[in-house]
Amino acid sequence: MKSTNQSTIMSKLEVIKKTVRNLSRTKEEILLLDQKGWFAKLFRHKRMLNKLKRCEYSLNDQIDEYLRENNAEYREIIFANFDLLETSNIHFTVYSEDVSYKGTRSEAIEGDIHPNGYSYCYSTKTNISGGYYSGLSYPSRFEGYVDYWGCIKLKRTDLKYGLFTIAS
């Protein structure tokens, strides 16, 4: 029984090591790409940054899973954070706006909770503008999750229309 548990721990550690290697390789590729001209960066730079982001998320998830299974103190911290974040209704306030030439509203937002207690989010996906009426719509509800470290990922689930949108 113990050898099986050790073998699963070793296999998880190997997966983590492989992800770290992929992460460092991707960082090296981005550095090499940054040294090239703008035309070389035109098509690959954003794709490489997205790959780097996926590798970082994957690494964090793998380390998190490993620690949840093998460290009692880590589990206690997780449960304490869950107790602090447990709610079903969070109200967001817009503190700055930006203009998008491709879309008129946010479809997905991501962010995190800072030590000051506020969450700061940014739009990761906007709609593709579809005429006059799409400019009159606004998201009225986002749903998603906040994990126990305060990472927020939300998607628009409800849409409303109005001539004038006044923040409340």
N, C-alpha and C. Protein backbone atom coordinates (compact mmCIF):
# COMPACT_ATOMS: atom_id res chain seq x y z
N MET A 1 0.82 -1.20 0.00
CA MET A 1 0.00 0.00 0.00
C MET A 1 0.86 1.25 0.00
N LYS A 2 1.89 1.25 0.86
CA LYS A 2 2.74 2.43 0.95
C LYS A 2 3.53 2.65 -0.33
N SER A 3 3.98 1.59 -0.98
CA SER A 3 4.74 1.73 -2.22
C SER A 3 3.86 2.28 -3.34
N THR A 4 2.58 1.92 -3.34
CA THR A 4 1.66 2.46 -4.34
C THR A 4 1.47 3.95 -4.14
N ASN A 5 1.35 4.35 -2.87
CA ASN A 5 1.20 5.77 -2.56
C ASN A 5 2.46 6.53 -2.95
N GLN A 6 3.63 5.95 -2.68
CA GLN A 6 4.88 6.60 -3.05
C GLN A 6 5.03 6.69 -4.56
N SER A 7 4.58 5.67 -5.28
CA SER A 7 4.68 5.71 -6.74
C SER A 7 3.77 6.77 -7.33
N THR A 8 2.58 6.96 -6.76
CA THR A 8 1.71 8.03 -7.26
C THR A 8 2.28 9.40 -6.94
N ILE A 9 2.91 9.53 -5.76
CA ILE A 9 3.56 10.80 -5.41
C ILE A 9 4.71 11.07 -6.38
N MET A 10 5.51 10.05 -6.67
CA MET A 10 6.62 10.22 -7.60
C MET A 10 6.13 10.56 -9.00
N SER A 11 5.04 9.93 -9.44
CA SER A 11 4.52 10.24 -10.77
C SER A 11 3.99 11.67 -10.83
N LYS A 12 3.36 12.13 -9.75
CA LYS A 12 2.89 13.52 -9.74
C LYS A 12 4.05 14.49 -9.74
N LEU A 13 5.12 14.15 -9.01
CA LEU A 13 6.30 15.01 -9.02
C LEU A 13 6.95 15.05 -10.40
N GLU A 14 6.94 13.92 -11.10
CA GLU A 14 7.47 13.89 -12.46
C GLU A 14 6.66 14.78 -13.41
N VAL A 15 5.34 14.76 -13.25
CA VAL A 15 4.47 15.61 -14.07
C VAL A 15 4.77 17.08 -13.77
N ILE A 16 4.98 17.41 -12.50
CA ILE A 16 5.31 18.79 -12.13
C ILE A 16 6.65 19.18 -12.75
N LYS A 17 7.65 18.30 -12.70
CA LYS A 17 8.95 18.60 -13.30
C LYS A 17 8.83 18.81 -14.80
N LYS A 18 8.01 18.00 -15.46
CA LYS A 18 7.80 18.15 -16.90
C LYS A 18 7.15 19.49 -17.23
N THR A 19 6.19 19.90 -16.42
CA THR A 19 5.54 21.18 -16.63
C THR A 19 6.51 22.34 -16.42
N VAL A 20 7.39 22.21 -15.43
CA VAL A 20 8.41 23.25 -15.20
C VAL A 20 9.34 23.34 -16.40
N ARG A 21 9.72 22.20 -16.97
CA ARG A 21 10.58 22.21 -18.17
C ARG A 21 9.86 22.89 -19.33
N ASN A 22 8.56 22.58 -19.53
CA ASN A 22 7.79 23.22 -20.60
C ASN A 22 7.69 24.73 -20.38
N LEU A 23 7.51 25.11 -19.13
CA LEU A 23 7.41 26.53 -18.79
C LEU A 23 8.71 27.26 -19.10
N SER A 24 9.84 26.69 -18.71
CA SER A 24 11.12 27.35 -18.97
C SER A 24 11.44 27.37 -20.46
N ARG A 25 11.07 26.30 -21.19
CA ARG A 25 11.27 26.29 -22.64
C ARG A 25 10.44 27.37 -23.32
N THR A 26 9.21 27.54 -22.88
CA THR A 26 8.34 28.57 -23.46
C THR A 26 8.88 29.95 -23.16
N LYS A 27 9.39 30.18 -21.95
CA LYS A 27 9.99 31.48 -21.63
C LYS A 27 11.20 31.76 -22.52
N GLU A 28 12.02 30.75 -22.76
CA GLU A 28 13.17 30.92 -23.65
C GLU A 28 12.73 31.26 -25.07
N GLU A 29 11.69 30.58 -25.56
CA GLU A 29 11.18 30.87 -26.90
C GLU A 29 10.66 32.30 -27.00
N ILE A 30 10.01 32.79 -25.94
CA ILE A 30 9.51 34.16 -25.95
C ILE A 30 10.67 35.15 -25.96
N LEU A 31 11.71 34.87 -25.18
CA LEU A 31 12.88 35.75 -25.17
C LEU A 31 13.55 35.80 -26.54
N LEU A 32 13.66 34.65 -27.19
CA LEU A 32 14.23 34.63 -28.54
C LEU A 32 13.34 35.37 -29.53
N LEU A 33 12.07 35.23 -29.38
CA LEU A 33 11.12 35.91 -30.26
C LEU A 33 11.17 37.42 -30.05
N ASP A 34 11.38 37.85 -28.82
CA ASP A 34 11.46 39.29 -28.54
C ASP A 34 12.67 39.93 -29.20
N GLN A 35 13.71 39.15 -29.46
CA GLN A 35 14.91 39.69 -30.10
C GLN A 35 14.73 39.86 -31.61
N LYS A 36 13.74 39.19 -32.17
CA LYS A 36 13.51 39.28 -33.61
C LYS A 36 12.69 40.52 -33.93
N GLY A 37 12.50 40.77 -35.18
CA GLY A 37 11.77 41.95 -35.63
C GLY A 37 10.27 41.84 -35.39
N TRP A 38 9.59 42.93 -35.66
CA TRP A 38 8.15 42.99 -35.39
C TRP A 38 7.36 42.01 -36.25
N PHE A 39 7.83 41.73 -37.47
CA PHE A 39 7.08 40.84 -38.35
C PHE A 39 7.08 39.41 -37.80
N ALA A 40 8.21 38.99 -37.25
CA ALA A 40 8.29 37.64 -36.67
C ALA A 40 7.39 37.53 -35.44
N LYS A 41 7.27 38.63 -34.69
CA LYS A 41 6.44 38.63 -33.49
C LYS A 41 4.96 38.71 -33.81
N LEU A 42 4.64 39.20 -34.99
CA LEU A 42 3.27 39.52 -35.33
C LEU A 42 2.31 38.37 -35.09
N PHE A 43 2.67 37.18 -35.50
CA PHE A 43 1.75 36.05 -35.42
C PHE A 43 2.01 35.12 -34.24
N ARG A 44 3.24 35.11 -33.74
CA ARG A 44 3.59 34.11 -32.73
C ARG A 44 3.60 34.62 -31.30
N HIS A 45 3.79 35.92 -31.12
CA HIS A 45 4.02 36.45 -29.78
C HIS A 45 2.83 36.20 -28.86
N LYS A 46 1.63 36.55 -29.30
CA LYS A 46 0.44 36.37 -28.45
C LYS A 46 0.19 34.89 -28.19
N ARG A 47 0.40 34.05 -29.21
CA ARG A 47 0.21 32.61 -29.03
C ARG A 47 1.19 32.07 -27.99
N MET A 48 2.44 32.54 -28.03
CA MET A 48 3.44 32.08 -27.06
C MET A 48 3.10 32.57 -25.65
N LEU A 49 2.61 33.80 -25.53
CA LEU A 49 2.21 34.29 -24.21
C LEU A 49 1.03 33.50 -23.66
N ASN A 50 0.09 33.13 -24.52
CA ASN A 50 -1.03 32.29 -24.08
C ASN A 50 -0.55 30.91 -23.64
N LYS A 51 0.43 30.37 -24.37
CA LYS A 51 0.99 29.07 -23.99
C LYS A 51 1.69 29.17 -22.64
N LEU A 52 2.41 30.27 -22.42
CA LEU A 52 3.08 30.49 -21.14
C LEU A 52 2.05 30.58 -20.01
N LYS A 53 0.95 31.29 -20.25
CA LYS A 53 -0.10 31.42 -19.25
C LYS A 53 -0.72 30.06 -18.92
N ARG A 54 -0.97 29.24 -19.96
CA ARG A 54 -1.53 27.91 -19.74
C ARG A 54 -0.56 27.05 -18.94
N CYS A 55 0.74 27.14 -19.24
CA CYS A 55 1.74 26.36 -18.49
C CYS A 55 1.77 26.78 -17.03
N GLU A 56 1.70 28.09 -16.78
CA GLU A 56 1.71 28.58 -15.39
C GLU A 56 0.47 28.10 -14.64
N TYR A 57 -0.71 28.18 -15.28
CA TYR A 57 -1.93 27.68 -14.64
C TYR A 57 -1.82 26.19 -14.35
N SER A 58 -1.30 25.44 -15.32
CA SER A 58 -1.17 24.00 -15.15
C SER A 58 -0.22 23.67 -14.00
N LEU A 59 0.89 24.38 -13.95
CA LEU A 59 1.86 24.16 -12.88
C LEU A 59 1.25 24.47 -11.52
N ASN A 60 0.55 25.59 -11.42
CA ASN A 60 -0.09 25.94 -10.15
C ASN A 60 -1.12 24.89 -9.74
N ASP A 61 -1.90 24.41 -10.70
CA ASP A 61 -2.90 23.38 -10.40
C ASP A 61 -2.26 22.09 -9.92
N GLN A 62 -1.16 21.69 -10.57
CA GLN A 62 -0.49 20.44 -10.19
C GLN A 62 0.14 20.54 -8.80
N ILE A 63 0.80 21.66 -8.53
CA ILE A 63 1.40 21.85 -7.21
C ILE A 63 0.31 21.92 -6.14
N ASP A 64 -0.77 22.60 -6.47
CA ASP A 64 -1.89 22.71 -5.54
C ASP A 64 -2.47 21.33 -5.22
N GLU A 65 -2.68 20.53 -6.25
CA GLU A 65 -3.23 19.18 -6.03
C GLU A 65 -2.28 18.34 -5.18
N TYR A 66 -0.99 18.41 -5.48
CA TYR A 66 0.00 17.65 -4.72
C TYR A 66 -0.01 18.06 -3.24
N LEU A 67 -0.03 19.37 -2.98
CA LEU A 67 -0.01 19.84 -1.59
C LEU A 67 -1.31 19.53 -0.86
N ARG A 68 -2.46 19.61 -1.56
CA ARG A 68 -3.74 19.27 -0.92
C ARG A 68 -3.75 17.84 -0.44
N GLU A 69 -3.14 16.94 -1.21
CA GLU A 69 -3.15 15.52 -0.85
C GLU A 69 -2.11 15.17 0.20
N ASN A 70 -1.01 15.93 0.28
CA ASN A 70 0.12 15.50 1.11
C ASN A 70 0.49 16.44 2.25
N ASN A 71 -0.22 17.54 2.44
CA ASN A 71 0.18 18.49 3.47
C ASN A 71 -1.05 18.94 4.26
N ALA A 72 -1.10 18.58 5.52
CA ALA A 72 -2.27 18.89 6.37
C ALA A 72 -2.40 20.39 6.63
N GLU A 73 -1.29 21.09 6.82
CA GLU A 73 -1.34 22.53 7.06
C GLU A 73 -1.93 23.26 5.85
N TYR A 74 -1.53 22.83 4.68
CA TYR A 74 -2.04 23.42 3.44
C TYR A 74 -3.56 23.24 3.36
N ARG A 75 -4.04 22.06 3.69
CA ARG A 75 -5.49 21.80 3.68
C ARG A 75 -6.21 22.71 4.67
N GLU A 76 -5.64 22.93 5.84
CA GLU A 76 -6.25 23.82 6.82
C GLU A 76 -6.36 25.25 6.29
N ILE A 77 -5.32 25.71 5.63
CA ILE A 77 -5.35 27.06 5.05
C ILE A 77 -6.44 27.16 3.98
N ILE A 78 -6.56 26.12 3.17
CA ILE A 78 -7.58 26.10 2.13
C ILE A 78 -8.97 26.20 2.74
N PHE A 79 -9.26 25.41 3.76
CA PHE A 79 -10.58 25.45 4.38
C PHE A 79 -10.85 26.80 5.04
N ALA A 80 -9.82 27.41 5.63
CA ALA A 80 -10.00 28.75 6.22
C ALA A 80 -10.32 29.77 5.14
N ASN A 81 -9.63 29.68 3.99
CA ASN A 81 -9.91 30.61 2.89
C ASN A 81 -11.31 30.39 2.31
N PHE A 82 -11.74 29.14 2.22
CA PHE A 82 -13.09 28.85 1.74
C PHE A 82 -14.13 29.51 2.64
N ASP A 83 -13.91 29.43 3.95
CA ASP A 83 -14.85 30.06 4.89
C ASP A 83 -14.92 31.57 4.67
N LEU A 84 -13.78 32.20 4.38
CA LEU A 84 -13.75 33.64 4.16
C LEU A 84 -14.44 34.04 2.86
N LEU A 85 -14.35 33.20 1.83
CA LEU A 85 -14.86 33.54 0.50
C LEU A 85 -16.26 33.03 0.23
N GLU A 86 -16.86 32.33 1.18
CA GLU A 86 -18.15 31.70 0.93
C GLU A 86 -19.26 32.73 0.82
N THR A 87 -19.79 32.89 -0.41
CA THR A 87 -20.91 33.78 -0.69
C THR A 87 -21.48 33.41 -2.04
N SER A 88 -22.70 33.82 -2.29
CA SER A 88 -23.31 33.53 -3.59
C SER A 88 -23.67 34.81 -4.33
N ASN A 89 -23.34 35.96 -3.76
CA ASN A 89 -23.75 37.21 -4.36
C ASN A 89 -22.67 38.27 -4.13
N ILE A 90 -21.91 38.59 -5.15
CA ILE A 90 -20.87 39.60 -5.07
C ILE A 90 -21.24 40.72 -6.04
N HIS A 91 -21.14 41.95 -5.60
CA HIS A 91 -21.43 43.10 -6.46
C HIS A 91 -20.12 43.72 -6.92
N PHE A 92 -20.02 43.98 -8.22
CA PHE A 92 -18.83 44.59 -8.79
C PHE A 92 -19.11 46.04 -9.14
N THR A 93 -18.10 46.88 -9.02
CA THR A 93 -18.18 48.27 -9.41
C THR A 93 -17.09 48.55 -10.43
N VAL A 94 -17.42 49.25 -11.49
CA VAL A 94 -16.44 49.60 -12.52
C VAL A 94 -15.67 50.82 -12.04
N TYR A 95 -14.35 50.73 -11.98
CA TYR A 95 -13.55 51.87 -11.56
C TYR A 95 -12.81 52.52 -12.72
N SER A 96 -12.72 51.85 -13.85
CA SER A 96 -12.19 52.47 -15.06
C SER A 96 -12.75 51.73 -16.25
N GLU A 97 -12.91 52.46 -17.33
CA GLU A 97 -13.45 51.88 -18.55
C GLU A 97 -12.45 52.03 -19.67
N ASP A 98 -12.53 51.13 -20.61
CA ASP A 98 -11.65 51.16 -21.77
C ASP A 98 -12.52 50.99 -23.00
N VAL A 99 -12.02 51.41 -24.14
CA VAL A 99 -12.77 51.31 -25.38
C VAL A 99 -12.26 50.12 -26.18
N SER A 100 -13.17 49.32 -26.67
CA SER A 100 -12.81 48.21 -27.53
C SER A 100 -13.40 48.47 -28.91
N TYR A 101 -12.57 48.39 -29.93
CA TYR A 101 -13.05 48.62 -31.29
C TYR A 101 -13.67 47.36 -31.89
N LYS A 102 -13.46 46.23 -31.24
CA LYS A 102 -14.00 44.97 -31.73
C LYS A 102 -15.34 44.62 -31.10
N GLY A 103 -15.58 45.09 -29.91
CA GLY A 103 -16.79 44.69 -29.21
C GLY A 103 -17.34 45.80 -28.35
N THR A 104 -18.50 45.55 -27.74
CA THR A 104 -19.16 46.58 -26.95
C THR A 104 -19.33 46.20 -25.49
N ARG A 105 -19.10 44.95 -25.13
CA ARG A 105 -19.28 44.55 -23.73
C ARG A 105 -18.37 43.36 -23.40
N SER A 106 -18.17 43.16 -22.12
CA SER A 106 -17.34 42.04 -21.66
C SER A 106 -18.16 40.75 -21.67
N GLU A 107 -17.55 39.70 -22.13
CA GLU A 107 -18.18 38.38 -22.11
C GLU A 107 -17.56 37.49 -21.03
N ALA A 108 -16.31 37.75 -20.68
CA ALA A 108 -15.63 36.98 -19.64
C ALA A 108 -14.65 37.91 -18.93
N ILE A 109 -14.53 37.74 -17.62
CA ILE A 109 -13.58 38.53 -16.85
C ILE A 109 -12.78 37.61 -15.93
N GLU A 110 -11.55 38.03 -15.66
CA GLU A 110 -10.67 37.31 -14.75
C GLU A 110 -10.02 38.31 -13.82
N GLY A 111 -9.57 37.84 -12.70
CA GLY A 111 -8.88 38.72 -11.76
C GLY A 111 -8.55 37.98 -10.48
N ASP A 112 -8.29 38.75 -9.45
CA ASP A 112 -8.01 38.14 -8.16
C ASP A 112 -8.36 39.10 -7.04
N ILE A 113 -8.34 38.57 -5.83
CA ILE A 113 -8.64 39.37 -4.65
C ILE A 113 -7.32 39.81 -4.05
N HIS A 114 -7.16 41.11 -3.88
CA HIS A 114 -5.93 41.66 -3.33
C HIS A 114 -5.98 41.66 -1.80
N PRO A 115 -4.83 41.86 -1.16
CA PRO A 115 -4.80 41.88 0.30
C PRO A 115 -5.68 42.96 0.93
N ASN A 116 -6.01 44.02 0.15
CA ASN A 116 -6.86 45.08 0.70
C ASN A 116 -8.34 44.68 0.73
N GLY A 117 -8.67 43.47 0.25
CA GLY A 117 -10.04 42.98 0.29
C GLY A 117 -10.84 43.25 -0.97
N TYR A 118 -10.31 44.05 -1.89
CA TYR A 118 -11.00 44.35 -3.13
C TYR A 118 -10.57 43.37 -4.21
N SER A 119 -11.47 43.09 -5.13
CA SER A 119 -11.09 42.25 -6.27
C SER A 119 -10.90 43.14 -7.47
N TYR A 120 -9.85 42.91 -8.21
CA TYR A 120 -9.55 43.67 -9.40
C TYR A 120 -9.60 42.70 -10.59
N CYS A 121 -10.48 42.99 -11.53
CA CYS A 121 -10.70 42.11 -12.67
C CYS A 121 -10.49 42.87 -13.97
N TYR A 122 -10.24 42.12 -15.02
CA TYR A 122 -10.09 42.68 -16.36
C TYR A 122 -10.84 41.79 -17.33
N SER A 123 -11.23 42.38 -18.42
CA SER A 123 -11.98 41.65 -19.43
C SER A 123 -11.03 40.79 -20.25
N THR A 124 -11.38 39.52 -20.40
CA THR A 124 -10.55 38.63 -21.21
C THR A 124 -11.20 38.30 -22.55
N LYS A 125 -12.48 38.62 -22.66
CA LYS A 125 -13.19 38.34 -23.91
C LYS A 125 -14.31 39.35 -24.07
N THR A 126 -14.42 39.93 -25.27
CA THR A 126 -15.51 40.84 -25.56
C THR A 126 -16.34 40.26 -26.69
N ASN A 127 -17.56 40.78 -26.84
CA ASN A 127 -18.41 40.31 -27.93
C ASN A 127 -17.92 40.94 -29.24
N ILE A 128 -18.33 40.37 -30.33
CA ILE A 128 -18.06 40.97 -31.63
C ILE A 128 -19.25 41.87 -31.94
N SER A 129 -18.96 43.12 -32.18
CA SER A 129 -20.03 44.10 -32.37
C SER A 129 -20.94 43.67 -33.50
N GLY A 130 -22.23 43.65 -33.22
CA GLY A 130 -23.19 43.17 -34.21
C GLY A 130 -24.28 44.17 -34.52
N GLY A 131 -23.91 45.40 -34.80
CA GLY A 131 -24.91 46.38 -35.19
C GLY A 131 -25.31 47.30 -34.07
N TYR A 132 -26.35 48.05 -34.32
CA TYR A 132 -26.79 49.10 -33.41
C TYR A 132 -27.24 48.55 -32.07
N TYR A 133 -28.02 47.49 -32.05
CA TYR A 133 -28.60 46.99 -30.80
C TYR A 133 -27.57 46.35 -29.88
N SER A 134 -26.46 45.86 -30.43
CA SER A 134 -25.45 45.29 -29.54
C SER A 134 -24.79 46.38 -28.71
N GLY A 135 -24.80 47.61 -29.21
CA GLY A 135 -24.25 48.72 -28.44
C GLY A 135 -25.15 49.14 -27.29
N LEU A 136 -26.40 48.73 -27.33
CA LEU A 136 -27.35 49.07 -26.28
C LEU A 136 -27.44 48.00 -25.20
N SER A 137 -26.69 46.92 -25.35
CA SER A 137 -26.77 45.83 -24.39
C SER A 137 -25.61 45.92 -23.40
N TYR A 138 -25.85 45.34 -22.24
CA TYR A 138 -24.82 45.30 -21.21
C TYR A 138 -24.99 44.02 -20.40
N PRO A 139 -23.90 43.48 -19.88
CA PRO A 139 -24.02 42.28 -19.06
C PRO A 139 -24.62 42.63 -17.70
N SER A 140 -25.62 41.88 -17.29
CA SER A 140 -26.23 42.15 -15.99
C SER A 140 -25.89 41.08 -14.96
N ARG A 141 -25.32 39.97 -15.42
CA ARG A 141 -24.97 38.89 -14.49
C ARG A 141 -23.78 38.11 -15.03
N PHE A 142 -22.83 37.85 -14.15
CA PHE A 142 -21.70 36.99 -14.45
C PHE A 142 -21.74 35.83 -13.48
N GLU A 143 -21.39 34.65 -13.96
CA GLU A 143 -21.28 33.49 -13.09
C GLU A 143 -19.95 32.81 -13.33
N GLY A 144 -19.42 32.20 -12.31
CA GLY A 144 -18.14 31.51 -12.42
C GLY A 144 -17.70 31.07 -11.04
N TYR A 145 -16.42 31.17 -10.80
CA TYR A 145 -15.93 30.72 -9.50
C TYR A 145 -14.81 31.62 -8.98
N VAL A 146 -14.67 31.59 -7.69
CA VAL A 146 -13.55 32.19 -6.98
C VAL A 146 -12.91 31.05 -6.23
N ASP A 147 -11.65 30.74 -6.55
CA ASP A 147 -11.03 29.63 -5.83
C ASP A 147 -10.52 30.10 -4.47
N TYR A 148 -9.97 29.19 -3.70
CA TYR A 148 -9.59 29.50 -2.34
C TYR A 148 -8.37 30.40 -2.23
N TRP A 149 -7.69 30.70 -3.36
CA TRP A 149 -6.59 31.66 -3.33
C TRP A 149 -7.04 33.01 -3.85
N GLY A 150 -8.33 33.14 -4.19
CA GLY A 150 -8.86 34.43 -4.61
C GLY A 150 -8.82 34.66 -6.10
N CYS A 151 -8.49 33.66 -6.90
CA CYS A 151 -8.49 33.82 -8.37
C CYS A 151 -9.94 33.77 -8.85
N ILE A 152 -10.30 34.75 -9.68
CA ILE A 152 -11.68 34.90 -10.14
C ILE A 152 -11.75 34.64 -11.64
N LYS A 153 -12.69 33.80 -12.06
CA LYS A 153 -12.97 33.57 -13.48
C LYS A 153 -14.48 33.56 -13.64
N LEU A 154 -15.00 34.52 -14.40
CA LEU A 154 -16.44 34.67 -14.57
C LEU A 154 -16.80 34.78 -16.05
N LYS A 155 -17.98 34.29 -16.41
CA LYS A 155 -18.53 34.42 -17.76
C LYS A 155 -19.90 35.07 -17.68
N ARG A 156 -20.23 35.84 -18.70
CA ARG A 156 -21.53 36.51 -18.74
C ARG A 156 -22.62 35.48 -18.93
N THR A 157 -23.66 35.57 -18.10
CA THR A 157 -24.78 34.64 -18.22
C THR A 157 -26.09 35.34 -18.50
N ASP A 158 -26.15 36.66 -18.28
CA ASP A 158 -27.39 37.38 -18.52
C ASP A 158 -27.08 38.72 -19.17
N LEU A 159 -27.97 39.14 -20.02
CA LEU A 159 -27.78 40.34 -20.81
C LEU A 159 -29.04 41.19 -20.74
N LYS A 160 -28.88 42.49 -20.60
CA LYS A 160 -30.02 43.40 -20.61
C LYS A 160 -29.78 44.49 -21.64
N TYR A 161 -30.86 45.14 -22.04
CA TYR A 161 -30.80 46.20 -23.04
C TYR A 161 -31.34 47.48 -22.44
N GLY A 162 -30.76 48.60 -22.85
CA GLY A 162 -31.24 49.89 -22.40
C GLY A 162 -30.61 51.01 -23.19
N LEU A 163 -31.34 52.12 -23.35
CA LEU A 163 -30.78 53.26 -24.05
C LEU A 163 -29.68 53.92 -23.23
N PHE A 164 -29.91 54.02 -21.93
CA PHE A 164 -28.93 54.62 -21.04
C PHE A 164 -28.59 53.61 -19.96
N THR A 165 -27.32 53.37 -19.78
CA THR A 165 -26.90 52.46 -18.73
C THR A 165 -26.25 53.26 -17.63
N ILE A 166 -26.84 53.23 -16.47
CA ILE A 166 -26.35 54.00 -15.34
C ILE A 166 -25.85 53.00 -14.30
N ALA A 167 -24.61 53.19 -13.88
CA ALA A 167 -24.05 52.30 -12.87
C ALA A 167 -24.74 52.54 -11.54
N SER A 168 -25.05 51.47 -10.85
CA SER A 168 -25.71 51.62 -9.54
C SER A 168 -24.77 51.22 -8.44
